[in-house]
Amino acid sequence: MKKIFLLFYLFCISSFGQEKHNFNIENNQLEWQKVFETDLQKSQIEKIIKEKGVFKNLIFEENLISGEIENFPADYTGVGKTSWNTSFYVQNTSITAAFFIEIKDGRYRVSLNGINLRTINELSGNGISVMSANSI
């Protein structure tokens, strides 16, 4: 019986463990980093970034593109979540961060750091925001 319970327990732990979403803590700061494979040239990537209109203070160097993202809505549906299983805080925030895109042949690495979530709307006119409501 103990062996069956242990087997069941190990199966549950491995099945319901958290997925890795490429977040790390560096110098007490949240950082996200991911490498993508691509057939696009650097000029095509630059064009896409310019056309999106989300990126600010863009700097284009030889193999590096950097800048800032401001007031970008948190896309919980993009990672397969629904409003029912996403906290109201995440649904009601926008993302601000610095980004770096390092380009090499056939791939590029995107790094976000200085990631901050900012409340979009207040819950009521009484000065209770999502941030202050979470601390109650």
N, C-alpha and C. Protein backbone atom coordinates (compact mmCIF):
# COMPACT_ATOMS: atom_id res chain seq x y z
N MET A 1 0.82 -1.19 0.00
CA MET A 1 0.00 0.00 0.00
C MET A 1 0.87 1.26 0.00
N LYS A 2 1.96 1.25 0.79
CA LYS A 2 2.84 2.41 0.84
C LYS A 2 3.48 2.66 -0.51
N LYS A 3 3.83 1.59 -1.23
CA LYS A 3 4.45 1.75 -2.54
C LYS A 3 3.49 2.38 -3.53
N ILE A 4 2.24 1.99 -3.48
CA ILE A 4 1.22 2.55 -4.38
C ILE A 4 1.03 4.04 -4.06
N PHE A 5 0.95 4.37 -2.78
CA PHE A 5 0.79 5.76 -2.37
C PHE A 5 2.00 6.59 -2.83
N LEU A 6 3.20 6.08 -2.65
CA LEU A 6 4.42 6.78 -3.05
C LEU A 6 4.44 6.98 -4.56
N LEU A 7 4.08 5.98 -5.31
CA LEU A 7 4.03 6.09 -6.77
C LEU A 7 3.02 7.15 -7.20
N PHE A 8 1.83 7.12 -6.59
CA PHE A 8 0.79 8.10 -6.89
C PHE A 8 1.27 9.51 -6.55
N TYR A 9 1.92 9.66 -5.41
CA TYR A 9 2.43 10.96 -4.96
C TYR A 9 3.47 11.50 -5.93
N LEU A 10 4.42 10.67 -6.35
CA LEU A 10 5.46 11.10 -7.29
C LEU A 10 4.87 11.48 -8.64
N PHE A 11 3.86 10.72 -9.08
CA PHE A 11 3.19 11.03 -10.34
C PHE A 11 2.50 12.40 -10.26
N CYS A 12 1.82 12.67 -9.14
CA CYS A 12 1.12 13.95 -8.97
C CYS A 12 2.10 15.11 -8.96
N ILE A 13 3.21 14.96 -8.28
CA ILE A 13 4.19 16.03 -8.22
C ILE A 13 4.74 16.33 -9.60
N SER A 14 5.08 15.31 -10.36
CA SER A 14 5.65 15.55 -11.69
C SER A 14 4.60 16.09 -12.66
N SER A 15 3.35 15.71 -12.51
CA SER A 15 2.30 16.14 -13.43
C SER A 15 1.84 17.56 -13.17
N PHE A 16 1.82 17.98 -11.93
CA PHE A 16 1.26 19.27 -11.60
C PHE A 16 2.32 20.29 -11.20
N GLY A 17 3.56 20.06 -11.53
CA GLY A 17 4.63 21.01 -11.24
C GLY A 17 4.47 22.26 -12.09
N GLN A 18 5.09 23.33 -11.67
CA GLN A 18 4.99 24.57 -12.43
C GLN A 18 5.81 24.49 -13.71
N GLU A 19 5.28 25.12 -14.74
CA GLU A 19 5.99 25.19 -16.00
C GLU A 19 7.06 26.28 -15.92
N LYS A 20 8.12 26.11 -16.67
CA LYS A 20 9.17 27.13 -16.71
C LYS A 20 8.79 28.14 -17.78
N HIS A 21 8.76 29.40 -17.39
CA HIS A 21 8.40 30.47 -18.31
C HIS A 21 9.55 31.44 -18.54
N ASN A 22 10.79 30.98 -18.34
CA ASN A 22 11.99 31.75 -18.65
C ASN A 22 12.20 32.98 -17.77
N PHE A 23 11.63 33.00 -16.57
CA PHE A 23 11.87 34.08 -15.63
C PHE A 23 13.01 33.71 -14.70
N ASN A 24 13.86 34.67 -14.39
CA ASN A 24 14.97 34.50 -13.46
C ASN A 24 15.05 35.72 -12.55
N ILE A 25 15.70 35.55 -11.43
CA ILE A 25 15.99 36.67 -10.55
C ILE A 25 17.49 36.94 -10.65
N GLU A 26 17.85 38.13 -11.11
CA GLU A 26 19.24 38.56 -11.21
C GLU A 26 19.41 39.86 -10.43
N ASN A 27 20.32 39.87 -9.47
CA ASN A 27 20.56 41.06 -8.64
C ASN A 27 19.27 41.62 -8.05
N ASN A 28 18.44 40.73 -7.52
CA ASN A 28 17.15 41.09 -6.91
C ASN A 28 16.18 41.75 -7.89
N GLN A 29 16.35 41.49 -9.16
CA GLN A 29 15.45 42.02 -10.19
C GLN A 29 14.88 40.87 -11.00
N LEU A 30 13.62 40.97 -11.35
CA LEU A 30 12.98 39.98 -12.19
C LEU A 30 13.44 40.17 -13.63
N GLU A 31 13.84 39.08 -14.27
CA GLU A 31 14.30 39.13 -15.66
C GLU A 31 13.67 37.99 -16.43
N TRP A 32 13.29 38.27 -17.69
CA TRP A 32 12.76 37.24 -18.58
C TRP A 32 13.68 37.17 -19.78
N GLN A 33 14.01 35.95 -20.20
CA GLN A 33 14.93 35.78 -21.32
C GLN A 33 14.56 34.54 -22.12
N LYS A 34 14.55 34.68 -23.44
CA LYS A 34 14.22 33.53 -24.29
C LYS A 34 14.91 33.68 -25.64
N VAL A 35 15.36 32.55 -26.18
CA VAL A 35 16.00 32.51 -27.50
C VAL A 35 14.98 31.99 -28.51
N PHE A 36 14.88 32.68 -29.65
CA PHE A 36 13.96 32.30 -30.72
C PHE A 36 14.75 31.99 -31.98
N GLU A 37 14.30 31.00 -32.72
CA GLU A 37 14.87 30.69 -34.03
C GLU A 37 14.09 31.48 -35.07
N THR A 38 14.79 31.96 -36.13
CA THR A 38 14.12 32.77 -37.14
C THR A 38 14.82 32.68 -38.48
N ASP A 39 14.05 32.96 -39.53
CA ASP A 39 14.60 33.08 -40.87
C ASP A 39 14.70 34.56 -41.27
N LEU A 40 14.27 35.46 -40.38
CA LEU A 40 14.26 36.88 -40.68
C LEU A 40 15.66 37.48 -40.60
N GLN A 41 15.89 38.50 -41.41
CA GLN A 41 17.13 39.26 -41.35
C GLN A 41 16.98 40.36 -40.31
N LYS A 42 18.10 40.93 -39.87
CA LYS A 42 18.08 41.99 -38.86
C LYS A 42 17.21 43.17 -39.30
N SER A 43 17.29 43.54 -40.57
CA SER A 43 16.50 44.67 -41.08
C SER A 43 15.00 44.38 -40.99
N GLN A 44 14.60 43.13 -41.20
CA GLN A 44 13.19 42.77 -41.09
C GLN A 44 12.72 42.83 -39.63
N ILE A 45 13.57 42.39 -38.71
CA ILE A 45 13.23 42.46 -37.28
C ILE A 45 13.09 43.92 -36.85
N GLU A 46 14.01 44.78 -37.30
CA GLU A 46 13.95 46.21 -36.99
C GLU A 46 12.64 46.82 -37.49
N LYS A 47 12.26 46.47 -38.71
CA LYS A 47 11.02 47.00 -39.30
C LYS A 47 9.80 46.60 -38.47
N ILE A 48 9.74 45.34 -38.05
CA ILE A 48 8.62 44.86 -37.24
C ILE A 48 8.54 45.64 -35.93
N ILE A 49 9.68 45.84 -35.29
CA ILE A 49 9.72 46.56 -34.01
C ILE A 49 9.25 48.00 -34.18
N LYS A 50 9.69 48.65 -35.23
CA LYS A 50 9.29 50.04 -35.49
C LYS A 50 7.79 50.15 -35.76
N GLU A 51 7.23 49.17 -36.49
CA GLU A 51 5.82 49.23 -36.87
C GLU A 51 4.87 48.93 -35.72
N LYS A 52 5.30 48.19 -34.71
CA LYS A 52 4.42 47.80 -33.60
C LYS A 52 3.93 49.01 -32.81
N GLY A 53 4.76 50.02 -32.65
CA GLY A 53 4.35 51.22 -31.92
C GLY A 53 4.30 51.06 -30.41
N VAL A 54 4.76 49.94 -29.90
CA VAL A 54 4.74 49.67 -28.46
C VAL A 54 6.07 50.05 -27.82
N PHE A 55 7.12 50.04 -28.62
CA PHE A 55 8.48 50.21 -28.10
C PHE A 55 8.90 51.68 -28.15
N LYS A 56 9.59 52.12 -27.11
CA LYS A 56 10.04 53.51 -26.97
C LYS A 56 11.56 53.56 -26.84
N ASN A 57 12.13 54.71 -27.13
CA ASN A 57 13.57 54.96 -26.96
C ASN A 57 14.41 53.86 -27.62
N LEU A 58 14.11 53.57 -28.85
CA LEU A 58 14.79 52.50 -29.57
C LEU A 58 16.23 52.88 -29.92
N ILE A 59 17.13 51.93 -29.74
CA ILE A 59 18.54 52.08 -30.12
C ILE A 59 18.90 50.86 -30.97
N PHE A 60 19.38 51.13 -32.19
CA PHE A 60 19.76 50.06 -33.10
C PHE A 60 21.28 50.06 -33.24
N GLU A 61 21.91 48.97 -32.83
CA GLU A 61 23.35 48.82 -32.97
C GLU A 61 23.62 47.64 -33.89
N GLU A 62 24.88 47.26 -34.04
CA GLU A 62 25.25 46.23 -35.01
C GLU A 62 24.45 44.94 -34.84
N ASN A 63 24.50 44.31 -33.67
CA ASN A 63 23.77 43.07 -33.42
C ASN A 63 22.86 43.18 -32.20
N LEU A 64 22.47 44.40 -31.87
CA LEU A 64 21.66 44.62 -30.66
C LEU A 64 20.61 45.68 -30.93
N ILE A 65 19.41 45.39 -30.48
CA ILE A 65 18.32 46.37 -30.48
C ILE A 65 17.88 46.50 -29.03
N SER A 66 17.77 47.74 -28.55
CA SER A 66 17.33 47.93 -27.17
C SER A 66 16.32 49.07 -27.11
N GLY A 67 15.60 49.10 -26.00
CA GLY A 67 14.60 50.14 -25.81
C GLY A 67 13.75 49.85 -24.59
N GLU A 68 12.57 50.44 -24.57
CA GLU A 68 11.66 50.29 -23.44
C GLU A 68 10.26 49.93 -23.93
N ILE A 69 9.55 49.21 -23.09
CA ILE A 69 8.15 48.90 -23.31
C ILE A 69 7.39 49.65 -22.23
N GLU A 70 6.38 50.41 -22.64
CA GLU A 70 5.59 51.16 -21.66
C GLU A 70 4.12 50.86 -21.83
N ASN A 71 3.45 50.63 -20.71
CA ASN A 71 1.99 50.45 -20.68
C ASN A 71 1.50 49.39 -21.65
N PHE A 72 2.18 48.26 -21.67
CA PHE A 72 1.79 47.13 -22.51
C PHE A 72 0.86 46.24 -21.69
N PRO A 73 -0.37 45.99 -22.15
CA PRO A 73 -1.32 45.19 -21.35
C PRO A 73 -0.80 43.77 -21.11
N ALA A 74 -0.97 43.26 -19.90
CA ALA A 74 -0.58 41.90 -19.57
C ALA A 74 -1.49 40.94 -20.34
N ASP A 75 -0.91 40.07 -21.16
CA ASP A 75 -1.67 39.18 -22.02
C ASP A 75 -1.76 37.79 -21.40
N TYR A 76 -2.67 37.62 -20.46
CA TYR A 76 -2.83 36.33 -19.80
C TYR A 76 -3.46 35.30 -20.74
N THR A 77 -4.23 35.74 -21.72
CA THR A 77 -4.83 34.79 -22.66
C THR A 77 -3.77 34.22 -23.61
N GLY A 78 -2.70 34.95 -23.83
CA GLY A 78 -1.62 34.48 -24.71
C GLY A 78 -0.87 33.29 -24.16
N VAL A 79 -0.95 33.06 -22.86
CA VAL A 79 -0.30 31.90 -22.25
C VAL A 79 -1.34 30.83 -21.87
N GLY A 80 -2.54 30.95 -22.46
CA GLY A 80 -3.54 29.91 -22.28
C GLY A 80 -4.40 30.05 -21.03
N LYS A 81 -4.38 31.20 -20.38
CA LYS A 81 -5.19 31.40 -19.18
C LYS A 81 -6.50 32.08 -19.55
N THR A 82 -7.48 31.97 -18.67
CA THR A 82 -8.75 32.66 -18.84
C THR A 82 -8.92 33.64 -17.69
N SER A 83 -9.93 34.47 -17.77
CA SER A 83 -10.16 35.43 -16.69
C SER A 83 -10.56 34.71 -15.40
N TRP A 84 -11.07 33.49 -15.52
CA TRP A 84 -11.48 32.73 -14.33
C TRP A 84 -10.30 32.22 -13.53
N ASN A 85 -9.18 31.93 -14.20
CA ASN A 85 -8.03 31.41 -13.45
C ASN A 85 -6.84 32.35 -13.47
N THR A 86 -7.11 33.65 -13.65
CA THR A 86 -6.08 34.69 -13.59
C THR A 86 -6.51 35.71 -12.54
N SER A 87 -5.58 36.08 -11.68
CA SER A 87 -5.94 37.03 -10.62
C SER A 87 -6.36 38.37 -11.23
N PHE A 88 -7.24 39.06 -10.53
CA PHE A 88 -7.72 40.36 -10.99
C PHE A 88 -6.56 41.33 -11.11
N TYR A 89 -5.57 41.19 -10.24
CA TYR A 89 -4.40 42.07 -10.28
C TYR A 89 -3.70 41.98 -11.64
N VAL A 90 -3.48 40.76 -12.14
CA VAL A 90 -2.81 40.59 -13.43
C VAL A 90 -3.70 41.10 -14.56
N GLN A 91 -4.99 40.86 -14.48
CA GLN A 91 -5.91 41.32 -15.52
C GLN A 91 -5.97 42.84 -15.60
N ASN A 92 -5.66 43.51 -14.51
CA ASN A 92 -5.81 44.95 -14.41
C ASN A 92 -4.47 45.68 -14.39
N THR A 93 -3.45 45.11 -15.04
CA THR A 93 -2.14 45.73 -15.04
C THR A 93 -1.58 45.87 -16.44
N SER A 94 -0.63 46.79 -16.55
CA SER A 94 0.16 46.92 -17.77
C SER A 94 1.62 46.71 -17.39
N ILE A 95 2.43 46.36 -18.37
CA ILE A 95 3.83 46.04 -18.14
C ILE A 95 4.71 47.17 -18.65
N THR A 96 5.70 47.52 -17.85
CA THR A 96 6.74 48.46 -18.26
C THR A 96 8.07 47.74 -18.03
N ALA A 97 8.98 47.80 -19.01
CA ALA A 97 10.26 47.10 -18.88
C ALA A 97 11.26 47.63 -19.89
N ALA A 98 12.52 47.31 -19.66
CA ALA A 98 13.58 47.57 -20.64
C ALA A 98 13.78 46.26 -21.41
N PHE A 99 14.09 46.36 -22.70
CA PHE A 99 14.31 45.14 -23.47
C PHE A 99 15.61 45.24 -24.28
N PHE A 100 16.17 44.06 -24.55
CA PHE A 100 17.37 43.92 -25.36
C PHE A 100 17.15 42.74 -26.29
N ILE A 101 17.43 42.92 -27.56
CA ILE A 101 17.33 41.84 -28.53
C ILE A 101 18.71 41.67 -29.16
N GLU A 102 19.34 40.53 -28.86
CA GLU A 102 20.65 40.22 -29.42
C GLU A 102 20.44 39.30 -30.61
N ILE A 103 20.94 39.70 -31.77
CA ILE A 103 20.69 38.97 -33.01
C ILE A 103 21.96 38.26 -33.48
N LYS A 104 21.81 36.97 -33.77
CA LYS A 104 22.88 36.16 -34.37
C LYS A 104 22.26 35.40 -35.53
N ASP A 105 23.08 34.72 -36.31
CA ASP A 105 22.59 34.00 -37.47
C ASP A 105 21.50 33.00 -37.11
N GLY A 106 20.32 33.21 -37.67
CA GLY A 106 19.23 32.26 -37.51
C GLY A 106 18.54 32.26 -36.16
N ARG A 107 18.91 33.18 -35.27
CA ARG A 107 18.25 33.23 -33.95
C ARG A 107 18.45 34.61 -33.32
N TYR A 108 17.63 34.86 -32.32
CA TYR A 108 17.79 36.08 -31.53
C TYR A 108 17.35 35.81 -30.10
N ARG A 109 17.98 36.51 -29.17
CA ARG A 109 17.65 36.36 -27.75
C ARG A 109 17.01 37.65 -27.27
N VAL A 110 15.83 37.51 -26.66
CA VAL A 110 15.11 38.65 -26.10
C VAL A 110 15.27 38.62 -24.59
N SER A 111 15.67 39.75 -24.02
CA SER A 111 15.80 39.89 -22.56
C SER A 111 14.94 41.06 -22.12
N LEU A 112 14.15 40.86 -21.09
CA LEU A 112 13.39 41.94 -20.45
C LEU A 112 13.90 42.07 -19.02
N ASN A 113 14.20 43.29 -18.60
CA ASN A 113 14.54 43.49 -17.20
C ASN A 113 13.94 44.80 -16.72
N GLY A 114 14.02 45.03 -15.43
CA GLY A 114 13.33 46.19 -14.86
C GLY A 114 11.83 46.06 -15.06
N ILE A 115 11.32 44.84 -14.96
CA ILE A 115 9.90 44.57 -15.23
C ILE A 115 9.05 45.10 -14.07
N ASN A 116 8.08 45.94 -14.42
CA ASN A 116 7.16 46.47 -13.44
C ASN A 116 5.73 46.30 -13.93
N LEU A 117 4.85 45.90 -13.03
CA LEU A 117 3.42 45.83 -13.33
C LEU A 117 2.77 47.06 -12.72
N ARG A 118 1.99 47.76 -13.52
CA ARG A 118 1.32 48.97 -13.05
C ARG A 118 -0.19 48.80 -13.17
N THR A 119 -0.89 49.27 -12.15
CA THR A 119 -2.35 49.18 -12.13
C THR A 119 -2.94 50.07 -13.22
N ILE A 120 -3.86 49.53 -14.00
CA ILE A 120 -4.51 50.29 -15.06
C ILE A 120 -5.65 51.13 -14.50
N ASN A 121 -6.54 50.51 -13.72
CA ASN A 121 -7.73 51.18 -13.18
C ASN A 121 -7.79 51.00 -11.67
N GLU A 122 -8.44 51.93 -11.01
CA GLU A 122 -8.70 51.75 -9.59
C GLU A 122 -10.01 51.00 -9.42
N LEU A 123 -10.13 50.28 -8.32
CA LEU A 123 -11.35 49.51 -8.08
C LEU A 123 -12.55 50.39 -7.77
N SER A 124 -12.31 51.51 -7.10
CA SER A 124 -13.42 52.40 -6.76
C SER A 124 -12.88 53.81 -6.61
N GLY A 125 -13.76 54.76 -6.43
CA GLY A 125 -13.36 56.15 -6.26
C GLY A 125 -12.87 56.45 -4.86
N ASN A 126 -12.87 55.47 -3.95
CA ASN A 126 -12.47 55.71 -2.57
C ASN A 126 -10.98 55.58 -2.34
N GLY A 127 -10.20 55.59 -3.41
CA GLY A 127 -8.76 55.53 -3.25
C GLY A 127 -8.21 54.13 -3.02
N ILE A 128 -9.04 53.10 -3.21
CA ILE A 128 -8.55 51.74 -3.06
C ILE A 128 -8.18 51.24 -4.45
N SER A 129 -6.91 51.02 -4.65
CA SER A 129 -6.45 50.50 -5.94
C SER A 129 -6.25 49.00 -5.80
N VAL A 130 -5.95 48.34 -6.89
CA VAL A 130 -5.69 46.90 -6.85
C VAL A 130 -4.49 46.64 -5.93
N MET A 131 -3.47 47.50 -6.02
CA MET A 131 -2.29 47.34 -5.18
C MET A 131 -2.64 47.41 -3.70
N SER A 132 -3.40 48.42 -3.31
CA SER A 132 -3.71 48.57 -1.89
C SER A 132 -4.71 47.51 -1.43
N ALA A 133 -5.58 47.05 -2.33
CA ALA A 133 -6.54 46.01 -1.96
C ALA A 133 -5.81 44.70 -1.69
N ASN A 134 -4.72 44.42 -2.41
CA ASN A 134 -3.97 43.19 -2.19
C ASN A 134 -3.24 43.19 -0.86
N SER A 135 -2.95 44.35 -0.32
CA SER A 135 -2.23 44.40 0.95
C SER A 135 -3.15 44.38 2.16
N ILE A 136 -4.45 44.41 1.95
CA ILE A 136 -5.42 44.40 3.07
C ILE A 136 -5.52 43.01 3.64
